[in-house]
Amino acid sequence: MYEYKEPGDVNTYNANNIVPNVMFNNTIPNVGKMEVQEGANMNITNAVLIEPGAVGGAQETIPVYAIDTTVQQFEIPDPVLRRAFARKVFITLLIQHILTLPIIEVFILCFDPISHGVIQGIRGVLFCILIALYLFSDMRRYSPMNVITFVIVTLLMAIEAGALATWINSQLAIFPHLIVIAQFLALVGYSEQSRYKFSVVNAILMVLFVSVTGHYFTEIVFSSFSFIHIAYVLVSLTTYRAAYAVYDMHLMLSGHHGYNLQPNEYIFAATNIYADIPNIFWRMFKFFFITPLVKMYQFLVGCCFAEVC
């Protein structure tokens, strides 16, 4: 058995059987220099040296380990699983846009041009539902609610796209959604390779290139300019969804939304692409309006209380 004694009572011949009374003795064993390295790369130039305390003799400071903030942190650490997860999300969004094509075709063939007020009403209802989905994300996280929520969002997005397509009343309304499908196909193919880095800039530049190419092809097929082309320009704004999906995927996997994603929650993540739209609008509103007003207020308050000399 070990017994506690004061440091002065330690028997030097049997010191191993005595445990110092740490309640009254704050000494910490002398650890000397420590080297902290990551991984199996034992490069001495990357070592983090922790020096012993300069004052206090045997009393040493508790070592503080350096954290490299330049390395991007992901909620799914394994890059293979992370690539597979992103690929499944893009495939799910691809299937979603393919399923919206028949609904858009039904609106074009069966409905007269829907009024602007009705379209804005549909958008308002959709936006309120997306806010609710963002606030109550835990309710739609697991099966079968994740699939049901994804189907509901798909139908609402298809109804909105069909209502906009009635203003064109032509097969031209299908082409922006075909461009989006081509963009997600390009993202799926890009996620399959490992030679080039899947960065946000590379992915967005790729989908923008696909968008420009698709619009150029559309202009070749429909060469006459009219009011239909003006409406097509408005509908073609949907081709920027893929660029937004890339950026929101980066935010989700980097932990900015706090979802704590698991590798099998790709349907939940695909719904989050749309549920995060209110959050993106709030960030933009705060950046462009609230932050300048706060800075202006702070500036005026500073001018009121600051002395010239």
Protein backbone atom coordinates (compact mmCIF):
# COMPACT_ATOMS: atom_id res chain seq x y z
CA MET A 1 0.00 0.00 0.00
CA TYR A 2 1.08 3.57 -0.68
CA GLU A 3 0.90 6.20 2.02
CA TYR A 4 0.88 9.96 1.91
CA LYS A 5 3.62 11.88 3.72
CA GLU A 6 5.05 15.34 3.66
CA PRO A 7 7.92 15.85 1.16
CA GLY A 8 10.43 16.19 3.96
CA ASP A 9 9.56 12.76 5.32
CA VAL A 10 10.37 10.87 2.13
CA ASN A 11 12.65 7.91 2.71
CA THR A 12 15.40 8.20 0.12
CA TYR A 13 16.10 4.49 0.32
CA ASN A 14 12.48 3.55 -0.42
CA ALA A 15 11.19 6.53 -2.35
CA ASN A 16 9.10 4.43 -4.74
CA ASN A 17 6.65 3.51 -1.99
CA ILE A 18 5.86 7.11 -1.07
CA VAL A 19 3.41 9.28 -3.03
CA PRO A 20 3.93 13.04 -2.43
CA ASN A 21 1.01 14.88 -0.87
CA VAL A 22 -0.10 16.82 -3.95
CA MET A 23 -2.79 18.62 -1.97
CA PHE A 24 -0.14 20.67 -0.18
CA ASN A 25 2.74 20.30 -2.62
CA ASN A 26 2.16 21.93 -6.03
CA THR A 27 5.31 20.62 -7.64
CA ILE A 28 4.97 19.01 -11.06
CA PRO A 29 7.58 16.50 -12.23
CA ASN A 30 10.34 17.94 -14.39
CA VAL A 31 9.44 16.95 -17.93
CA GLY A 32 12.22 18.90 -19.63
CA LYS A 33 11.73 19.63 -23.32
CA MET A 34 8.89 17.99 -25.18
CA GLU A 35 8.52 17.59 -28.92
CA VAL A 36 5.05 17.38 -30.42
CA GLN A 37 4.72 16.16 -33.99
CA GLU A 38 1.80 15.06 -36.14
CA GLY A 39 1.55 11.78 -38.02
CA ALA A 40 4.48 9.61 -38.98
CA ASN A 41 6.45 12.47 -40.50
CA MET A 42 9.13 12.96 -37.89
CA ASN A 43 10.66 16.02 -39.47
CA ILE A 44 12.58 17.87 -36.82
CA THR A 45 11.89 21.19 -38.53
CA ASN A 46 8.14 20.82 -37.85
CA ALA A 47 8.60 20.02 -34.16
CA VAL A 48 6.91 22.22 -31.58
CA LEU A 49 9.27 22.75 -28.65
CA ILE A 50 7.83 23.38 -25.22
CA GLU A 51 10.45 24.87 -22.91
CA PRO A 52 10.42 24.30 -19.15
CA GLY A 53 9.57 27.24 -16.92
CA ALA A 54 12.36 29.72 -16.39
CA VAL A 55 11.34 30.45 -12.81
CA GLY A 56 10.51 28.06 -10.02
CA GLY A 57 13.14 25.38 -10.31
CA ALA A 58 11.45 22.01 -10.53
CA GLN A 59 8.01 23.60 -10.99
CA GLU A 60 7.14 23.46 -14.69
CA THR A 61 4.29 24.95 -16.66
CA ILE A 62 1.72 22.53 -18.02
CA PRO A 63 2.55 21.92 -21.72
CA VAL A 64 0.32 23.71 -24.25
CA TYR A 65 0.01 21.92 -27.56
CA ALA A 66 0.00 24.06 -30.69
CA ILE A 67 -3.04 23.71 -32.98
CA ASP A 68 -2.55 24.34 -36.68
CA THR A 69 -5.45 26.63 -37.66
CA THR A 70 -4.46 26.59 -41.34
CA VAL A 71 -5.71 23.01 -41.78
CA GLN A 72 -9.40 22.92 -42.73
CA GLN A 73 -11.51 20.87 -40.33
CA PHE A 74 -14.35 18.67 -41.61
CA GLU A 75 -17.21 16.93 -39.85
CA ILE A 76 -16.34 13.81 -41.86
CA PRO A 77 -12.54 13.52 -41.43
CA ASP A 78 -11.96 10.69 -43.92
CA PRO A 79 -11.50 12.28 -47.40
CA VAL A 80 -12.72 9.14 -49.17
CA LEU A 81 -15.96 9.08 -47.18
CA ARG A 82 -16.29 12.85 -47.61
CA ARG A 83 -15.98 12.61 -51.40
CA ALA A 84 -18.47 9.73 -51.48
CA PHE A 85 -20.88 11.71 -49.29
CA ALA A 86 -20.70 14.79 -51.55
CA ARG A 87 -21.15 12.59 -54.62
CA LYS A 88 -24.30 11.00 -53.15
CA VAL A 89 -25.72 14.45 -52.37
CA PHE A 90 -25.08 15.65 -55.93
CA ILE A 91 -26.64 12.47 -57.36
CA THR A 92 -29.71 13.01 -55.14
CA LEU A 93 -30.05 16.60 -56.38
CA LEU A 94 -29.57 15.35 -59.95
CA ILE A 95 -32.43 12.88 -59.55
CA GLN A 96 -34.54 15.63 -58.01
CA HIS A 97 -34.15 17.91 -61.04
CA ILE A 98 -34.83 15.02 -63.42
CA LEU A 99 -38.11 14.33 -61.61
CA THR A 100 -39.17 17.97 -61.92
CA LEU A 101 -39.06 17.88 -65.74
CA PRO A 102 -42.43 16.03 -66.19
CA ILE A 103 -44.14 18.42 -63.77
CA ILE A 104 -42.81 21.44 -65.68
CA GLU A 105 -44.02 19.87 -68.93
CA VAL A 106 -47.51 19.42 -67.45
CA PHE A 107 -47.64 23.10 -66.47
CA ILE A 108 -46.55 24.18 -69.95
CA LEU A 109 -49.17 22.04 -71.71
CA CYS A 110 -52.13 22.38 -69.32
CA PHE A 111 -51.99 25.84 -67.72
CA ASP A 112 -52.32 29.36 -68.99
CA PRO A 113 -49.72 31.92 -67.89
CA ILE A 114 -49.99 32.19 -64.12
CA SER A 115 -50.18 35.72 -62.74
CA HIS A 116 -47.21 37.37 -61.09
CA GLY A 117 -49.05 37.61 -57.76
CA VAL A 118 -49.73 33.88 -57.66
CA ILE A 119 -46.10 33.12 -58.43
CA GLN A 120 -44.94 35.40 -55.62
CA GLY A 121 -47.46 33.74 -53.30
CA ILE A 122 -46.04 30.31 -54.16
CA ARG A 123 -42.55 31.62 -53.47
CA GLY A 124 -43.67 33.09 -50.14
CA VAL A 125 -45.19 29.79 -49.01
CA LEU A 126 -42.07 27.93 -50.15
CA PHE A 127 -39.81 30.35 -48.28
CA CYS A 128 -41.82 29.99 -45.06
CA ILE A 129 -41.64 26.20 -45.34
CA LEU A 130 -37.87 26.39 -45.85
CA ILE A 131 -37.55 28.54 -42.72
CA ALA A 132 -39.49 25.92 -40.75
CA LEU A 133 -37.29 23.15 -42.16
CA TYR A 134 -34.17 25.06 -41.13
CA LEU A 135 -35.42 25.70 -37.60
CA PHE A 136 -36.67 22.15 -37.01
CA SER A 137 -33.89 20.19 -38.67
CA ASP A 138 -33.90 17.38 -36.08
CA MET A 139 -37.49 16.42 -36.95
CA ARG A 140 -36.56 15.62 -40.57
CA ARG A 141 -33.20 14.02 -39.94
CA TYR A 142 -34.03 10.34 -39.73
CA SER A 143 -36.06 7.90 -41.81
CA PRO A 144 -38.81 8.12 -42.95
CA MET A 145 -39.14 11.88 -42.31
CA ASN A 146 -35.99 12.67 -44.29
CA VAL A 147 -37.44 11.05 -47.43
CA ILE A 148 -40.89 12.60 -46.91
CA THR A 149 -39.38 16.07 -46.45
CA PHE A 150 -37.22 15.66 -49.54
CA VAL A 151 -40.26 14.67 -51.63
CA ILE A 152 -42.23 17.68 -50.34
CA VAL A 153 -39.39 20.07 -51.17
CA THR A 154 -39.05 18.49 -54.62
CA LEU A 155 -42.76 18.99 -55.35
CA LEU A 156 -42.71 22.60 -54.15
CA MET A 157 -39.65 23.44 -56.24
CA ALA A 158 -41.25 21.75 -59.26
CA ILE A 159 -44.50 23.71 -58.81
CA GLU A 160 -42.57 26.97 -58.62
CA ALA A 161 -40.58 26.07 -61.75
CA GLY A 162 -43.77 25.05 -63.56
CA ALA A 163 -45.49 28.32 -62.64
CA LEU A 164 -42.54 30.28 -64.06
CA ALA A 165 -42.53 28.08 -67.18
CA THR A 166 -46.12 29.06 -68.01
CA TRP A 167 -44.89 32.58 -68.80
CA ILE A 168 -42.67 31.17 -71.55
CA ASN A 169 -45.24 28.63 -72.79
CA SER A 170 -42.55 26.90 -74.82
CA GLN A 171 -40.14 24.00 -74.59
CA LEU A 172 -37.52 26.68 -74.01
CA ALA A 173 -38.51 26.59 -70.33
CA ILE A 174 -37.03 23.07 -70.05
CA PHE A 175 -33.53 24.10 -71.09
CA PRO A 176 -32.45 25.90 -67.85
CA HIS A 177 -33.27 22.75 -65.89
CA LEU A 178 -31.37 20.64 -68.41
CA ILE A 179 -28.39 22.92 -67.81
CA VAL A 180 -28.72 22.35 -64.04
CA ILE A 181 -28.79 18.59 -64.64
CA ALA A 182 -25.63 18.88 -66.73
CA GLN A 183 -24.00 20.90 -63.94
CA PHE A 184 -24.72 18.25 -61.32
CA LEU A 185 -23.49 15.56 -63.72
CA ALA A 186 -20.23 17.51 -64.03
CA LEU A 187 -19.99 17.76 -60.21
CA VAL A 188 -20.52 14.01 -59.85
CA GLY A 189 -17.81 13.33 -62.41
CA TYR A 190 -15.46 15.83 -60.76
CA SER A 191 -15.95 14.19 -57.38
CA GLU A 192 -14.95 10.83 -58.85
CA GLN A 193 -11.41 11.95 -59.66
CA SER A 194 -8.67 12.54 -57.11
CA ARG A 195 -6.02 14.22 -59.26
CA TYR A 196 -7.35 17.76 -58.86
CA LYS A 197 -8.37 19.38 -55.61
CA PHE A 198 -12.12 19.69 -55.09
CA SER A 199 -11.99 23.32 -53.98
CA VAL A 200 -14.93 25.72 -53.93
CA VAL A 201 -13.42 27.90 -56.67
CA ASN A 202 -12.68 24.99 -59.01
CA ALA A 203 -16.17 23.53 -58.63
CA ILE A 204 -17.94 26.88 -59.09
CA LEU A 205 -15.85 27.75 -62.16
CA MET A 206 -16.71 24.37 -63.64
CA VAL A 207 -20.48 24.76 -63.14
CA LEU A 208 -20.36 28.31 -64.50
CA PHE A 209 -18.55 27.03 -67.59
CA VAL A 210 -21.26 24.39 -68.06
CA SER A 211 -23.90 27.13 -67.63
CA VAL A 212 -22.34 29.40 -70.27
CA THR A 213 -21.97 26.47 -72.68
CA GLY A 214 -25.58 25.42 -72.13
CA HIS A 215 -26.91 28.93 -72.71
CA TYR A 216 -24.85 29.24 -75.89
CA PHE A 217 -26.28 25.94 -77.14
CA THR A 218 -29.79 27.14 -76.30
CA GLU A 219 -29.28 30.33 -78.32
CA ILE A 220 -28.25 28.20 -81.30
CA VAL A 221 -31.42 26.09 -81.07
CA PHE A 222 -33.76 29.08 -80.45
CA SER A 223 -32.19 31.78 -82.61
CA SER A 224 -35.08 34.28 -82.72
CA PHE A 225 -35.22 36.99 -80.04
CA SER A 226 -38.57 37.93 -78.54
CA PHE A 227 -40.38 38.34 -75.24
CA ILE A 228 -39.90 34.61 -74.72
CA HIS A 229 -36.14 35.12 -74.47
CA ILE A 230 -36.60 37.82 -71.85
CA ALA A 231 -38.65 35.41 -69.76
CA TYR A 232 -36.06 32.72 -70.43
CA VAL A 233 -33.37 34.96 -68.93
CA LEU A 234 -35.40 35.15 -65.71
CA VAL A 235 -35.97 31.40 -65.61
CA SER A 236 -32.31 30.72 -66.39
CA LEU A 237 -31.35 32.19 -63.01
CA THR A 238 -32.07 28.69 -61.69
CA THR A 239 -28.79 27.58 -63.29
CA TYR A 240 -26.97 29.24 -60.38
CA ARG A 241 -28.39 26.68 -57.98
CA ALA A 242 -25.47 24.36 -58.62
CA ALA A 243 -22.92 27.03 -57.62
CA TYR A 244 -24.92 27.69 -54.45
CA ALA A 245 -25.12 23.94 -53.76
CA VAL A 246 -21.31 23.73 -53.97
CA TYR A 247 -20.85 26.58 -51.51
CA ASP A 248 -23.48 25.29 -49.07
CA MET A 249 -21.93 21.82 -49.25
CA HIS A 250 -18.65 23.42 -48.17
CA LEU A 251 -20.41 25.14 -45.24
CA MET A 252 -22.14 21.93 -44.15
CA LEU A 253 -19.07 19.70 -44.28
CA SER A 254 -16.92 22.35 -42.58
CA GLY A 255 -19.32 22.55 -39.64
CA HIS A 256 -20.51 26.12 -40.21
CA HIS A 257 -24.17 25.07 -40.00
CA GLY A 258 -23.66 22.80 -37.01
CA TYR A 259 -25.44 19.77 -38.49
CA ASN A 260 -22.74 17.26 -37.39
CA LEU A 261 -23.31 15.20 -40.54
CA GLN A 262 -22.76 11.46 -40.73
CA PRO A 263 -21.66 9.65 -43.93
CA ASN A 264 -25.11 8.06 -44.44
CA GLU A 265 -27.16 11.27 -44.12
CA TYR A 266 -26.95 12.39 -47.75
CA ILE A 267 -30.74 12.74 -48.17
CA PHE A 268 -30.85 14.95 -45.09
CA ALA A 269 -27.96 17.00 -46.54
CA ALA A 270 -29.68 17.29 -49.93
CA THR A 271 -32.72 18.80 -48.21
CA ASN A 272 -30.42 21.11 -46.25
CA ILE A 273 -29.27 22.66 -49.54
CA TYR A 274 -32.71 24.29 -49.78
CA ALA A 275 -33.38 24.64 -46.05
CA ASP A 276 -30.22 26.75 -45.75
CA ILE A 277 -31.48 29.34 -48.26
CA PRO A 278 -33.12 31.51 -45.52
CA ASN A 279 -29.86 31.39 -43.58
CA ILE A 280 -27.92 32.55 -46.66
CA PHE A 281 -30.35 35.44 -47.18
CA TRP A 282 -29.98 36.39 -43.51
CA ARG A 283 -26.19 36.38 -43.81
CA MET A 284 -26.33 38.58 -46.89
CA PHE A 285 -28.79 40.98 -45.24
CA LYS A 286 -26.64 41.18 -42.12
CA PHE A 287 -23.46 41.74 -44.17
CA PHE A 288 -24.86 44.44 -46.46
CA PHE A 289 -27.29 46.26 -44.13
CA ILE A 290 -26.97 45.49 -40.42
CA THR A 291 -23.16 45.50 -40.18
CA PRO A 292 -22.76 48.92 -41.91
CA LEU A 293 -25.47 50.39 -39.64
CA VAL A 294 -23.75 49.05 -36.53
CA LYS A 295 -20.39 50.44 -37.66
CA MET A 296 -22.00 53.81 -38.44
CA TYR A 297 -23.60 53.88 -34.99
CA GLN A 298 -20.28 53.05 -33.34
CA PHE A 299 -18.59 55.78 -35.38
CA LEU A 300 -21.18 58.39 -34.35
CA VAL A 301 -20.98 57.37 -30.70
CA GLY A 302 -17.21 57.63 -30.88
CA CYS A 303 -17.48 61.13 -32.38
CA CYS A 304 -19.83 62.25 -29.60
CA PHE A 305 -17.53 61.24 -26.75
CA ALA A 306 -14.11 61.67 -28.36
CA GLU A 307 -12.07 64.78 -27.54
CA VAL A 308 -10.11 66.65 -30.19
CA CYS A 309 -7.24 67.55 -27.87
